Protein backbone atom coordinates (compact mmCIF):
# COMPACT_ATOMS: atom_id res chain seq x y z
CA MET A 1 0.01 0.21 0.12
CA SER A 2 1.03 3.63 -0.60
CA ALA A 3 1.38 6.34 2.10
CA PRO A 4 -1.74 7.24 4.16
CA PRO A 5 -3.99 9.78 2.60
CA GLN A 6 -3.41 13.58 4.02
CA LYS A 7 -6.97 14.32 4.69
CA GLY A 8 -8.66 13.20 7.70
CA GLY A 9 -11.87 11.63 8.24
CA ALA A 10 -13.47 8.34 7.70
CA PHE A 11 -11.29 7.53 4.78
CA ARG A 12 -8.18 7.93 6.60
CA ILE A 13 -9.49 5.76 9.43
CA LEU A 14 -10.48 3.21 7.09
CA TYR A 15 -6.99 3.16 5.20
CA VAL A 16 -5.25 3.04 8.47
CA PHE A 17 -7.52 -0.05 9.66
CA LEU A 18 -6.87 -1.85 6.35
CA TYR A 19 -3.23 -1.20 6.34
CA THR A 20 -2.71 -2.34 10.11
CA THR A 21 -4.89 -5.54 9.72
CA SER A 22 -3.52 -6.32 6.21
CA MET A 23 0.21 -6.50 7.15
CA PRO A 24 1.51 -9.05 10.01
CA HIS A 25 2.56 -7.91 13.26
CA ILE A 26 6.29 -7.70 13.81
CA ILE A 27 8.05 -8.55 17.03
CA PHE A 28 11.66 -7.68 17.81
CA THR A 29 13.92 -9.95 20.11
CA THR A 30 16.31 -8.24 22.26
CA HIS A 31 19.03 -9.51 20.12
CA ALA A 32 17.55 -7.80 16.94
CA LYS A 33 17.17 -4.77 19.00
CA GLN A 34 20.59 -4.84 19.72
CA ARG A 35 21.63 -5.75 16.47
CA MET A 36 19.61 -2.81 14.76
CA LYS A 37 21.25 -0.32 17.20
CA ASP A 38 24.77 -1.83 16.43
CA ARG A 39 24.33 -1.69 12.60
CA LYS A 40 22.39 1.48 12.35
CA LEU A 41 19.23 0.00 10.86
CA SER A 42 15.90 1.66 11.77
CA VAL A 43 12.67 0.00 12.45
CA SER A 44 11.28 1.28 9.20
CA GLN A 45 13.91 -0.39 7.11
CA ILE A 46 13.23 -3.69 8.80
CA MET A 47 9.63 -3.29 8.05
CA GLU A 48 9.83 -2.49 4.67
CA THR A 49 12.32 -5.39 4.30
CA ILE A 50 9.70 -7.74 5.42
CA HIS A 51 6.61 -6.20 3.77
CA HIS A 52 8.26 -5.62 0.39
CA PRO A 53 11.18 -8.03 -0.07
CA LEU A 54 13.18 -8.62 -3.17
CA SER A 55 13.26 -12.09 -2.28
CA LYS A 56 11.87 -14.12 0.53
CA GLN A 57 13.19 -17.77 1.31
CA HIS A 58 11.37 -20.29 3.93
CA ALA A 59 13.19 -23.10 5.60
CA ASN A 60 12.32 -24.98 8.85
CA ASP A 61 9.74 -22.40 10.15
CA GLN A 62 12.65 -19.47 9.41
CA PHE A 63 11.91 -16.75 6.93
CA THR A 64 14.97 -14.86 5.32
CA PHE A 65 13.90 -11.46 3.65
CA VAL A 66 16.25 -9.63 1.47
CA ARG A 67 15.94 -6.06 0.16
CA LYS A 68 18.30 -3.77 -1.79
CA VAL A 69 18.44 -0.23 -0.84
CA GLY A 70 20.91 1.74 -3.24
CA ALA A 71 24.15 -0.17 -3.08
CA GLN A 72 23.26 -1.93 0.19
CA ARG A 73 21.51 -5.15 0.86
CA ILE A 74 19.21 -5.68 4.04
CA THR A 75 18.83 -9.17 5.29
CA VAL A 76 16.31 -9.96 8.12
CA ILE A 77 16.16 -13.32 9.61
CA ALA A 78 12.65 -14.10 11.42
CA HIS A 79 10.30 -16.68 12.25
CA MET A 80 6.27 -16.66 12.40
CA ASN A 81 4.83 -17.32 16.20
CA GLN A 82 1.41 -18.94 16.90
CA SER A 83 -0.60 -15.86 16.63
CA LYS A 84 1.14 -15.04 12.92
CA ALA A 85 3.35 -12.50 13.79
CA TYR A 86 6.93 -12.12 12.39
CA VAL A 87 9.59 -12.47 15.37
CA VAL A 88 12.66 -10.64 14.30
CA ARG A 89 15.76 -12.77 15.34
CA SER A 90 18.43 -10.77 13.50
CA CYS A 91 19.19 -8.42 10.71
CA TRP A 92 22.33 -6.95 9.08
CA ILE A 93 23.20 -4.65 6.14
CA ASP A 94 25.88 -5.40 3.61
CA PRO A 95 28.20 -3.56 3.07
CA PRO A 96 28.06 -2.25 6.65
CA ASN A 97 27.27 1.34 7.48
CA MET A 98 30.07 3.61 8.14
CA GLY A 99 31.25 3.79 11.87
CA THR A 100 29.77 0.51 12.78
CA ALA A 101 31.72 -2.61 14.11
CA ASP A 102 30.74 -4.67 11.16
CA GLU A 103 32.60 -2.12 9.07
CA LYS A 104 35.64 -2.04 11.17
CA HIS A 105 35.81 -5.93 11.14
CA ARG A 106 35.57 -5.68 7.62
CA GLN A 107 38.49 -3.39 7.17
CA TYR A 108 40.40 -5.43 9.46
CA TRP A 109 39.82 -8.61 7.66
CA SER A 110 40.71 -6.90 4.42
CA ILE A 111 44.13 -5.94 5.90
CA TYR A 112 44.58 -9.52 7.51
CA LYS A 113 43.99 -11.28 4.42
CA LYS A 114 46.68 -9.69 2.68
CA ALA A 115 49.12 -9.71 5.47
CA SER A 116 52.20 -12.02 5.59
CA PHE A 117 52.56 -14.58 8.65
CA TRP A 118 54.28 -11.96 10.68
CA GLY A 119 51.94 -9.19 9.77
CA LYS A 120 48.93 -11.55 10.78
CA PHE A 121 50.81 -12.28 14.02
CA VAL A 122 51.04 -8.55 14.84
CA LEU A 123 47.67 -7.74 13.81
CA VAL A 124 46.15 -10.38 16.26
CA LEU A 125 48.37 -9.29 19.04
CA LYS A 126 47.44 -5.63 18.70
CA LYS A 127 43.57 -6.64 18.40
CA GLN A 128 43.86 -8.95 21.67
CA LEU A 129 45.77 -6.18 23.50
CA GLY A 130 43.02 -3.76 22.54
CA PHE A 131 45.14 -1.48 20.12
CA MET A 132 42.49 -1.96 17.24
């Protein structure tokens, strides 16, 4: 459905009723909320991914929703509970948003892959000592 009508009245109430009853409810686990915060993902991005996915896969009571936003791909892992509401377990965005731990890990891994044996040794030592 498109954006709600701007005019008030009965038509807007009917639209909101139809929109909220036709879309399944979404529940976020604490893990998913933490991952959304860590990865700078908004609730609206997750809801759009679930309601309008580019692809949707279902296996063993688990759904995987994928949606492209520009050059990034948002992935949401959810399952459906007894009341037919989606329970979001985890979510991520690839490539990661700037400034997130995922982006820093990706940069570290890029350097680590190209390093020699001693370079990898120094990188791991620095990471374990908290310098990276």
